[in-house]
Amino acid sequence: MRQGGWISGLIVLAVLLTLDPLGIPAVRWIREGDALWADGRGLSAQRAYQAALALRPMDPAVWHRVARAHAALGELEEAEAAWRRAMERGDPWALRGLAAIATQRGEWEQARARWRDWALRSPSDREAFRRWAEAAMALGDEQDARRAWETGVSYHPDDLQIRFRLGLLRGAQDPEAARALLASLPSPWKEWSDLLPAPCAPHGLCGESASDQTLRRWGFALLGAWYWGEARLALARWVERHPEDPVAMAALGYALGRLGLDGTAWLRRASEGPAIPPEVHYFWGLYLLERGRYQEARGRFAAAYQLDPNPLYALERGRAAMLDGDLLTAERWLRQALEADRGNVEIWITLATLYLGHQVWIGKGIEAAQEILQRAPHRVEGYEWMGWAHYLRGEWAEAERLLRQALQVDPDRPSIRYRLGMVLAAKGQREEARRLLEQTILLDPRGGFGRQALRMLTRLQGR
């Protein structure tokens, strides 16, 4: 019996190799790539998938993996080409990949069409409804965004996140209905219902419409919570009714900027007239910071502070100066903000970033990190910056302990994985260091930490 089993196995293997003589090594590369991918090692997984592709260039499953790796590593041109090859070979998920590429590029018309098509084909994919709605909001199409959320609710009536986003969108158009929807959700989502007005008096008599009463406040609340699409729609509706409100115009311009769109027309309109409110300069500054125009941003924050010496404007003056490379000026304005609001943990975080991120005045950086830990022990920045301070002082064991603690608090923060990788590389634990650095690249493929991690990986491979 045992001999017969071996013979049967050899016959099956012979048939497989006859049909696809390269299939066995290709499967081995795919499995290795999948294991590396599951471990967050995108670069190593990509190399394995490319090896499989050389052996099986007609396999849509291999093209799918190659495209996914390119996209995750920020190689959008290569990812799009690979997704198209996968689609040509019958990969049903390629449309989703192409939709994600359009979103990453901010090509909102294509993104909306692709996500809508994919959501209606594969309604089990809940994220597709979110992406469809967000692309529609970026285009200013409130009706299509509402259709996306309502279709999502019809397929997933128990999905609290979809219902919440529908409530946020309806807040600007039908605040009473939105209030009822949001109040039915658990905390912290239900607290949003408190920002919307209660129903009108029993006889339905209101001085002005409930929507108009709450629209401006609602738009600014959405802006503060980073719901850029919903904020853009709410603020646009408010400004249409109240074109004399320059602060709302500036906020609208900033919201457009966060969506990757040009908001300068609204910011310029907000700046017309002899007396520009400080908030307009503030939103101008934030808009310019997002575009890397640090010198211009510094001027806007300076103008805001001159009109109103608010510690928030001093904080932003310091942040802009730091990003512009002017560390002495940055420290001066951050300390100025601290004098007015010593309990503001955001100021301490920015100071820690200044001192420890730029590796200057380490003692002051440790003081800032200690303040973060004391004032906000739930914030990950305190553990991360204190761990990095120990690394800079050569105290690697304590640095590792604190950075591992930070990683437990926020496992998706690329800066923590990068810094922990640096610590482990210094300790000689190169294999785990490489793994963490590759994971950093996957989390931040086009950002500063991803680039630094790639450089460090190159150095480790050369040793």
Protein backbone atom coordinates (compact mmCIF):
# COMPACT_ATOMS: atom_id res chain seq x y z
CA MET A 1 0.00 0.00 0.00
CA ARG A 2 2.78 2.41 0.98
CA GLN A 3 4.64 1.65 -2.27
CA GLY A 4 1.43 2.22 -4.25
CA GLY A 5 0.99 5.65 -2.58
CA TRP A 6 4.50 6.72 -3.54
CA ILE A 7 3.93 5.59 -7.13
CA SER A 8 0.63 7.56 -7.30
CA GLY A 9 2.37 10.65 -5.95
CA LEU A 10 5.12 10.38 -8.54
CA ILE A 11 2.56 9.99 -11.31
CA VAL A 12 0.68 13.15 -10.16
CA LEU A 13 3.97 15.08 -9.95
CA ALA A 14 4.96 13.93 -13.43
CA VAL A 15 1.60 15.03 -14.84
CA LEU A 16 1.90 18.47 -13.17
CA LEU A 17 5.40 18.99 -14.47
CA THR A 18 4.30 17.92 -17.94
CA LEU A 19 1.47 20.44 -17.93
CA ASP A 20 3.48 23.23 -16.27
CA PRO A 21 7.15 22.33 -15.76
CA LEU A 22 7.79 25.67 -14.00
CA GLY A 23 4.66 25.58 -11.86
CA ILE A 24 6.18 23.97 -8.80
CA PRO A 25 8.95 26.56 -8.28
CA ALA A 26 6.48 29.34 -9.12
CA VAL A 27 4.12 28.15 -6.40
CA ARG A 28 7.04 28.10 -3.99
CA TRP A 29 7.85 31.74 -4.78
CA ILE A 30 4.18 32.72 -4.38
CA ARG A 31 3.96 31.04 -1.00
CA GLU A 32 7.16 32.67 0.14
CA GLY A 33 5.91 36.05 -1.07
CA ASP A 34 2.58 35.60 0.70
CA ALA A 35 4.33 34.75 3.98
CA LEU A 36 6.56 37.80 3.68
CA TRP A 37 3.60 39.98 2.78
CA ALA A 38 1.66 38.79 5.84
CA ASP A 39 4.67 39.79 7.94
CA GLY A 40 4.65 43.29 6.45
CA ARG A 41 7.86 42.77 4.46
CA GLY A 42 6.74 44.38 1.23
CA LEU A 43 10.13 44.66 -0.50
CA SER A 44 11.02 41.03 0.09
CA ALA A 45 7.53 39.92 -0.95
CA GLN A 46 7.82 41.95 -4.14
CA ARG A 47 11.07 40.20 -5.06
CA ALA A 48 9.43 36.81 -4.51
CA TYR A 49 6.42 37.75 -6.64
CA GLN A 50 8.66 39.01 -9.43
CA ALA A 51 10.46 35.66 -9.40
CA ALA A 52 7.09 33.88 -9.69
CA LEU A 53 6.05 36.23 -12.51
CA ALA A 54 9.16 35.35 -14.52
CA LEU A 55 8.05 31.71 -14.34
CA ARG A 56 4.31 32.22 -14.88
CA PRO A 57 3.73 35.47 -16.80
CA MET A 58 0.18 34.53 -17.85
CA ASP A 59 -1.15 33.87 -14.35
CA PRO A 60 -3.56 36.64 -13.21
CA ALA A 61 -3.03 35.69 -9.55
CA VAL A 62 0.68 36.48 -9.86
CA TRP A 63 0.00 39.79 -11.61
CA HIS A 64 -2.47 40.61 -8.81
CA ARG A 65 0.23 40.13 -6.20
CA VAL A 66 2.81 42.09 -8.17
CA ALA A 67 0.35 44.99 -8.59
CA ARG A 68 -0.60 44.94 -4.91
CA ALA A 69 3.06 45.11 -3.87
CA HIS A 70 3.81 48.00 -6.24
CA ALA A 71 0.78 49.93 -4.95
CA ALA A 72 1.68 49.37 -1.29
CA LEU A 73 5.24 50.58 -1.94
CA GLY A 74 3.97 53.77 -3.58
CA GLU A 75 5.03 52.76 -7.10
CA LEU A 76 1.79 53.89 -8.70
CA GLU A 77 2.78 53.78 -12.38
CA GLU A 78 4.04 50.22 -12.05
CA ALA A 79 1.01 49.24 -9.98
CA GLU A 80 -1.44 50.58 -12.54
CA ALA A 81 0.31 48.74 -15.37
CA ALA A 82 0.30 45.50 -13.37
CA TRP A 83 -3.37 45.86 -12.45
CA ARG A 84 -4.22 46.30 -16.13
CA ARG A 85 -2.28 43.16 -17.00
CA ALA A 86 -4.12 41.32 -14.25
CA MET A 87 -7.45 42.58 -15.60
CA GLU A 88 -6.57 41.43 -19.13
CA ARG A 89 -5.92 37.96 -17.71
CA GLY A 90 -9.24 37.79 -15.88
CA ASP A 91 -8.47 38.98 -12.35
CA PRO A 92 -11.86 40.08 -10.93
CA TRP A 93 -10.17 42.22 -8.23
CA ALA A 94 -8.15 44.33 -10.67
CA LEU A 95 -10.91 46.95 -10.91
CA ARG A 96 -10.62 47.53 -7.17
CA GLY A 97 -6.87 47.97 -7.49
CA LEU A 98 -7.30 50.53 -10.28
CA ALA A 99 -9.89 52.38 -8.17
CA ALA A 100 -7.43 52.59 -5.29
CA ILE A 101 -4.73 53.97 -7.61
CA ALA A 102 -7.10 56.72 -8.80
CA THR A 103 -7.86 57.62 -5.18
CA GLN A 104 -4.18 57.81 -4.27
CA ARG A 105 -3.59 60.17 -7.18
CA GLY A 106 -6.60 62.33 -6.36
CA GLU A 107 -8.16 61.58 -9.75
CA TRP A 108 -11.63 61.83 -8.30
CA GLU A 109 -13.77 61.32 -11.42
CA GLN A 110 -12.04 58.04 -12.23
CA ALA A 111 -11.99 57.04 -8.58
CA ARG A 112 -15.71 57.62 -8.18
CA ALA A 113 -16.63 55.69 -11.33
CA ARG A 114 -14.40 52.74 -10.44
CA TRP A 115 -15.43 52.53 -6.79
CA ARG A 116 -19.11 52.84 -7.69
CA ASP A 117 -18.76 50.07 -10.28
CA TRP A 118 -16.86 47.88 -7.84
CA ALA A 119 -19.27 48.50 -4.94
CA LEU A 120 -22.28 47.54 -7.04
CA ARG A 121 -20.48 44.43 -8.34
CA SER A 122 -19.13 43.40 -4.94
CA PRO A 123 -21.44 44.87 -2.28
CA SER A 124 -19.85 42.71 0.41
CA ASP A 125 -16.83 45.07 0.26
CA ARG A 126 -17.90 47.70 2.79
CA GLU A 127 -14.90 49.94 2.20
CA ALA A 128 -15.95 50.39 -1.42
CA PHE A 129 -19.01 52.42 -0.35
CA ARG A 130 -16.82 54.69 1.77
CA ARG A 131 -14.38 55.26 -1.09
CA TRP A 132 -17.22 55.91 -3.52
CA ALA A 133 -18.82 58.45 -1.17
CA GLU A 134 -15.53 60.22 -0.41
CA ALA A 135 -14.70 60.55 -4.11
CA ALA A 136 -18.17 62.00 -4.74
CA MET A 137 -17.72 64.49 -1.90
CA ALA A 138 -14.33 65.53 -3.26
CA LEU A 139 -16.16 66.36 -6.49
CA GLY A 140 -18.81 68.29 -4.56
CA ASP A 141 -21.55 65.83 -5.61
CA GLU A 142 -23.59 65.55 -2.42
CA GLN A 143 -26.38 63.59 -4.11
CA ASP A 144 -24.06 60.83 -5.33
CA ALA A 145 -22.29 60.68 -1.95
CA ARG A 146 -25.64 60.22 -0.25
CA ARG A 147 -26.50 57.50 -2.75
CA ALA A 148 -23.25 55.72 -1.90
CA TRP A 149 -23.95 55.72 1.84
CA GLU A 150 -27.61 54.81 1.43
CA THR A 151 -26.71 51.91 -0.86
CA GLY A 152 -24.13 50.81 1.68
CA VAL A 153 -26.74 50.90 4.45
CA SER A 154 -29.15 48.84 2.34
CA TYR A 155 -26.53 46.09 2.03
CA HIS A 156 -25.11 46.49 5.55
CA PRO A 157 -27.91 47.79 7.81
CA ASP A 158 -25.95 46.91 10.97
CA ASP A 159 -22.74 48.69 9.94
CA LEU A 160 -22.44 51.54 12.45
CA GLN A 161 -19.62 53.29 10.57
CA ILE A 162 -21.66 53.57 7.36
CA ARG A 163 -24.69 54.85 9.27
CA PHE A 164 -22.50 57.37 11.09
CA ARG A 165 -21.04 58.76 7.88
CA LEU A 166 -24.51 59.00 6.37
CA GLY A 167 -25.56 60.97 9.44
CA LEU A 168 -22.63 63.37 9.06
CA LEU A 169 -23.48 63.96 5.41
CA ARG A 170 -27.16 64.56 6.13
CA GLY A 171 -26.32 67.00 8.91
CA ALA A 172 -25.91 69.87 6.46
CA GLN A 173 -29.06 69.13 4.47
CA ASP A 174 -31.53 67.69 6.96
CA PRO A 175 -30.25 68.29 10.49
CA GLU A 176 -33.33 66.93 12.25
CA ALA A 177 -33.13 63.59 10.41
CA ALA A 178 -29.37 63.50 10.94
CA ARG A 179 -29.81 64.17 14.65
CA ALA A 180 -32.23 61.25 15.00
CA LEU A 181 -29.89 58.93 13.09
CA LEU A 182 -26.78 59.91 15.05
CA ALA A 183 -28.56 59.76 18.41
CA SER A 184 -29.33 56.08 17.73
CA LEU A 185 -25.61 55.22 17.55
CA PRO A 186 -23.33 54.35 20.48
CA SER A 187 -20.77 56.74 21.94
CA PRO A 188 -18.68 58.54 20.83
CA TRP A 189 -20.64 58.80 17.59
CA LYS A 190 -23.91 59.74 19.23
CA GLU A 191 -22.30 62.85 20.76
CA TRP A 192 -22.32 64.38 17.28
CA SER A 193 -26.12 64.62 17.55
CA ASP A 194 -25.69 67.27 20.26
CA LEU A 195 -24.20 69.65 17.66
CA LEU A 196 -27.42 69.54 15.67
CA PRO A 197 -30.53 71.46 16.71
CA ALA A 198 -33.46 69.85 18.42
CA PRO A 199 -36.71 69.85 16.42
CA CYS A 200 -38.52 73.16 16.13
CA ALA A 201 -41.19 74.28 18.55
CA PRO A 202 -44.41 72.20 18.71
CA HIS A 203 -46.09 74.34 16.10
CA GLY A 204 -43.05 74.21 13.82
CA LEU A 205 -42.28 77.90 14.23
CA CYS A 206 -38.58 78.78 14.01
CA GLY A 207 -36.97 82.17 13.59
CA GLU A 208 -34.85 80.75 10.80
CA SER A 209 -34.50 77.25 9.44
CA ALA A 210 -32.87 74.69 11.69
CA SER A 211 -30.40 73.94 8.91
CA ASP A 212 -29.27 77.56 8.72
CA GLN A 213 -28.97 77.84 12.49
CA THR A 214 -26.49 74.99 12.69
CA LEU A 215 -24.78 74.87 9.32
CA ARG A 216 -21.71 77.00 10.09
CA ARG A 217 -21.03 75.29 13.40
CA TRP A 218 -21.53 71.89 11.78
CA GLY A 219 -19.08 72.69 8.98
CA PHE A 220 -16.36 73.78 11.40
CA ALA A 221 -16.92 70.72 13.61
CA LEU A 222 -16.47 68.45 10.58
CA LEU A 223 -13.34 70.36 9.61
CA GLY A 224 -11.87 69.94 13.08
CA ALA A 225 -12.57 66.19 12.97
CA TRP A 226 -10.86 65.83 9.56
CA TYR A 227 -14.01 64.84 7.67
CA TRP A 228 -12.85 66.95 4.76
CA GLY A 229 -15.50 65.99 2.22
CA GLU A 230 -18.45 66.53 4.52
CA ALA A 231 -16.90 69.79 5.78
CA ARG A 232 -16.43 71.04 2.24
CA LEU A 233 -20.11 70.43 1.39
CA ALA A 234 -21.42 72.01 4.61
CA LEU A 235 -19.19 75.08 4.36
CA ALA A 236 -19.96 75.53 0.65
CA ARG A 237 -23.67 75.58 1.45
CA TRP A 238 -23.14 78.08 4.26
CA VAL A 239 -21.00 80.40 2.14
CA GLU A 240 -23.57 80.31 -0.65
CA ARG A 241 -26.13 81.67 1.81
CA HIS A 242 -23.71 83.98 3.64
CA PRO A 243 -21.14 85.34 1.17
CA GLU A 244 -20.14 87.98 3.71
CA ASP A 245 -18.43 85.39 5.99
CA PRO A 246 -14.65 85.49 5.19
CA VAL A 247 -13.66 82.98 7.89
CA ALA A 248 -16.00 80.34 6.47
CA MET A 249 -14.62 81.06 2.99
CA ALA A 250 -11.07 80.53 4.22
CA ALA A 251 -12.09 77.31 5.99
CA LEU A 252 -13.68 76.12 2.75
CA GLY A 253 -10.46 76.83 0.86
CA TYR A 254 -8.49 74.85 3.42
CA ALA A 255 -10.94 71.91 3.21
CA LEU A 256 -10.53 71.86 -0.56
CA GLY A 257 -6.77 71.81 -0.11
CA ARG A 258 -6.97 68.79 2.18
CA LEU A 259 -8.90 67.01 -0.58
CA GLY A 260 -6.04 67.68 -2.98
CA LEU A 261 -7.96 70.42 -4.78
CA ASP A 262 -7.15 74.08 -5.38
CA GLY A 263 -8.65 76.24 -2.64
CA THR A 264 -6.83 79.49 -3.41
CA ALA A 265 -9.85 81.15 -5.02
CA TRP A 266 -11.80 80.94 -1.75
CA LEU A 267 -8.80 81.97 0.31
CA ARG A 268 -8.29 85.04 -1.89
CA ARG A 269 -11.96 85.97 -1.64
CA ALA A 270 -11.72 85.66 2.13
CA SER A 271 -8.75 88.06 2.08
CA GLU A 272 -10.57 90.83 0.24
CA GLY A 273 -11.41 93.97 2.15
CA PRO A 274 -9.47 96.32 4.41
CA ALA A 275 -9.65 94.22 7.59
CA ILE A 276 -8.67 90.54 7.25
CA PRO A 277 -9.67 88.46 10.32
CA PRO A 278 -6.82 86.52 11.98
CA GLU A 279 -8.65 83.24 11.32
CA VAL A 280 -8.33 83.84 7.58
CA HIS A 281 -4.55 84.17 7.89
CA TYR A 282 -4.58 81.01 10.04
CA PHE A 283 -6.39 78.91 7.41
CA TRP A 284 -4.14 80.37 4.70
CA GLY A 285 -1.13 79.25 6.75
CA LEU A 286 -2.47 75.71 7.20
CA TYR A 287 -3.20 75.50 3.48
CA LEU A 288 0.36 76.57 2.64
CA LEU A 289 1.88 74.15 5.17
CA GLU A 290 0.14 71.25 3.45
CA ARG A 291 1.84 72.27 0.20
CA GLY A 292 5.30 72.62 1.70
CA ARG A 293 5.37 76.42 1.28
CA TYR A 294 6.75 76.98 4.75
CA GLN A 295 8.10 80.52 4.31
CA GLU A 296 4.74 81.81 3.08
CA ALA A 297 2.98 79.94 5.87
CA ARG A 298 5.19 81.62 8.45
CA GLY A 299 4.10 85.01 7.12
CA ARG A 300 0.43 84.10 7.41
CA PHE A 301 0.76 82.83 10.98
CA ALA A 302 2.76 85.96 11.89
CA ALA A 303 -0.07 88.11 10.52
CA ALA A 304 -2.63 86.14 12.52
CA TYR A 305 -0.58 86.49 15.70
CA GLN A 306 -0.10 90.22 15.18
CA LEU A 307 -3.88 90.65 15.03
CA ASP A 308 -4.55 88.25 17.91
CA PRO A 309 -1.72 86.93 20.16
CA ASN A 310 -3.42 83.56 20.50
CA PRO A 311 -1.14 80.69 21.64
CA LEU A 312 -2.52 78.60 18.78
CA TYR A 313 -1.03 81.04 16.27
CA ALA A 314 2.28 81.06 18.18
CA LEU A 315 2.30 77.26 18.05
CA GLU A 316 1.77 77.29 14.29
CA ARG A 317 4.48 79.96 13.85
CA GLY A 318 6.85 77.63 15.67
CA ARG A 319 5.78 74.59 13.67
CA ALA A 320 6.18 76.42 10.36
CA ALA A 321 9.62 77.72 11.35
CA MET A 322 10.68 74.20 12.35
CA LEU A 323 9.56 72.77 9.01
CA ASP A 324 11.41 75.63 7.32
CA GLY A 325 14.62 74.60 9.12
CA ASP A 326 14.79 77.68 11.37
CA LEU A 327 15.10 75.84 14.69
CA LEU A 328 16.00 78.81 16.90
CA THR A 329 12.97 80.80 15.77
CA ALA A 330 10.83 77.69 16.10
CA GLU A 331 11.91 77.23 19.72
CA ARG A 332 11.24 80.87 20.53
CA TRP A 333 7.64 80.75 19.28
CA LEU A 334 6.91 77.38 20.80
CA ARG A 335 8.15 78.63 24.16
CA GLN A 336 5.98 81.72 23.67
CA ALA A 337 2.97 79.47 23.14
CA LEU A 338 3.94 77.45 26.21
CA GLU A 339 3.99 80.53 28.44
CA ALA A 340 0.36 81.21 27.55
CA ASP A 341 -0.86 77.60 27.66
CA ARG A 342 1.50 75.33 29.58
CA GLY A 343 -1.06 72.54 29.84
CA ASN A 344 -1.42 72.17 26.06
CA VAL A 345 0.10 68.77 25.28
CA GLU A 346 0.31 69.59 21.55
CA ILE A 347 2.92 72.25 22.33
CA TRP A 348 5.00 69.75 24.32
CA ILE A 349 4.74 67.25 21.45
CA THR A 350 5.94 69.87 18.97
CA LEU A 351 8.84 70.77 21.28
CA ALA A 352 9.83 67.10 21.56
CA THR A 353 9.69 66.89 17.77
CA LEU A 354 11.91 69.95 17.51
CA TYR A 355 14.56 68.77 19.99
CA LEU A 356 14.60 65.00 19.49
CA GLY A 357 13.47 64.82 15.87
CA HIS A 358 16.31 67.14 14.89
CA GLN A 359 18.67 65.68 17.52
CA VAL A 360 19.46 69.00 19.17
CA TRP A 361 19.23 69.99 22.85
CA ILE A 362 18.55 66.40 23.96
CA GLY A 363 18.04 67.41 27.59
CA LYS A 364 15.22 69.77 26.64
CA GLY A 365 13.74 67.01 24.50
CA ILE A 366 13.69 64.64 27.47
CA GLU A 367 11.93 67.31 29.53
CA ALA A 368 9.28 67.67 26.80
CA ALA A 369 8.81 63.88 26.53
CA GLN A 370 8.41 63.62 30.32
CA GLU A 371 5.75 66.34 30.22
CA ILE A 372 3.85 64.40 27.55
CA LEU A 373 3.98 61.21 29.62
CA GLN A 374 2.81 63.04 32.72
CA ARG A 375 0.05 65.10 31.14
CA ALA A 376 -1.24 62.59 28.58
CA PRO A 377 -0.11 59.03 29.44
CA HIS A 378 -2.48 57.67 26.79
CA ARG A 379 -0.63 59.52 24.01
CA VAL A 380 1.87 57.42 22.10
CA GLU A 381 4.20 60.37 21.44
CA GLY A 382 5.51 60.38 25.00
CA TYR A 383 6.74 56.78 24.82
CA GLU A 384 8.10 57.22 21.30
CA TRP A 385 10.07 60.39 22.01
CA MET A 386 11.39 59.16 25.35
CA GLY A 387 12.50 55.94 23.68
CA TRP A 388 14.22 57.88 20.92
CA ALA A 389 15.94 60.09 23.49
CA HIS A 390 17.42 56.99 25.14
CA TYR A 391 18.60 55.79 21.71
CA LEU A 392 20.33 59.12 21.08
CA ARG A 393 22.12 58.71 24.42
CA GLY A 394 23.21 55.16 23.57
CA GLU A 395 20.88 53.58 26.16
CA TRP A 396 19.56 50.94 23.81
CA ALA A 397 17.87 48.55 26.24
CA GLU A 398 15.65 51.31 27.67
CA ALA A 399 15.07 52.70 24.19
CA GLU A 400 13.87 49.28 23.01
CA ARG A 401 11.55 48.86 26.01
CA LEU A 402 9.86 52.22 25.50
CA LEU A 403 9.56 51.90 21.73
CA ARG A 404 8.04 48.43 22.04
CA GLN A 405 5.55 49.95 24.47
CA ALA A 406 4.79 52.68 21.93
CA LEU A 407 4.32 50.02 19.24
CA GLN A 408 1.67 48.32 21.37
CA VAL A 409 -0.22 51.61 21.65
CA ASP A 410 -0.07 52.41 17.92
CA PRO A 411 1.15 49.50 15.75
CA ASP A 412 0.44 51.38 12.50
CA ARG A 413 2.67 54.38 13.21
CA PRO A 414 5.61 54.16 10.77
CA SER A 415 7.92 56.38 12.83
CA ILE A 416 7.83 53.91 15.73
CA ARG A 417 8.74 50.93 13.57
CA TYR A 418 11.54 52.91 11.96
CA ARG A 419 12.99 54.02 15.28
CA LEU A 420 12.69 50.57 16.84
CA GLY A 421 14.42 49.16 13.75
CA MET A 422 17.25 51.63 14.24
CA VAL A 423 17.61 50.61 17.90
CA LEU A 424 17.70 46.90 17.05
CA ALA A 425 20.22 47.51 14.26
CA ALA A 426 22.45 49.28 16.79
CA LYS A 427 22.09 46.28 19.12
CA GLY A 428 23.10 43.88 16.34
CA GLN A 429 19.63 42.32 15.94
CA ARG A 430 19.73 42.84 12.20
CA GLU A 431 17.10 40.37 11.06
CA GLU A 432 14.36 41.90 13.21
CA ALA A 433 15.66 45.37 12.32
CA ARG A 434 15.27 44.57 8.61
CA ARG A 435 11.75 43.30 9.21
CA LEU A 436 10.74 46.48 11.03
CA LEU A 437 12.30 48.70 8.39
CA GLU A 438 10.46 46.88 5.61
CA GLN A 439 7.23 47.26 7.57
CA THR A 440 7.97 50.98 7.82
CA ILE A 441 8.22 51.22 4.04
CA LEU A 442 4.88 49.44 3.67
CA LEU A 443 3.23 51.86 6.13
CA ASP A 444 4.85 55.01 4.70
CA PRO A 445 5.90 54.21 1.13
CA ARG A 446 6.07 57.80 -0.12
CA GLY A 447 6.84 59.58 3.13
CA GLY A 448 9.97 60.58 5.00
CA PHE A 449 10.16 57.54 7.26
CA GLY A 450 9.70 55.17 4.34
CA ARG A 451 12.62 56.82 2.52
CA GLN A 452 14.82 56.74 5.63
CA ALA A 453 13.97 53.08 6.20
CA LEU A 454 14.93 52.24 2.62
CA ARG A 455 18.29 53.97 3.04
CA MET A 456 18.91 52.10 6.29
CA LEU A 457 18.02 48.78 4.68
CA THR A 458 20.54 49.45 1.93
CA ARG A 459 23.20 50.12 4.57
CA LEU A 460 22.34 46.91 6.44
CA GLN A 461 22.52 44.85 3.27
CA GLY A 462 25.96 46.29 2.53
CA ARG A 463 27.37 45.16 5.86
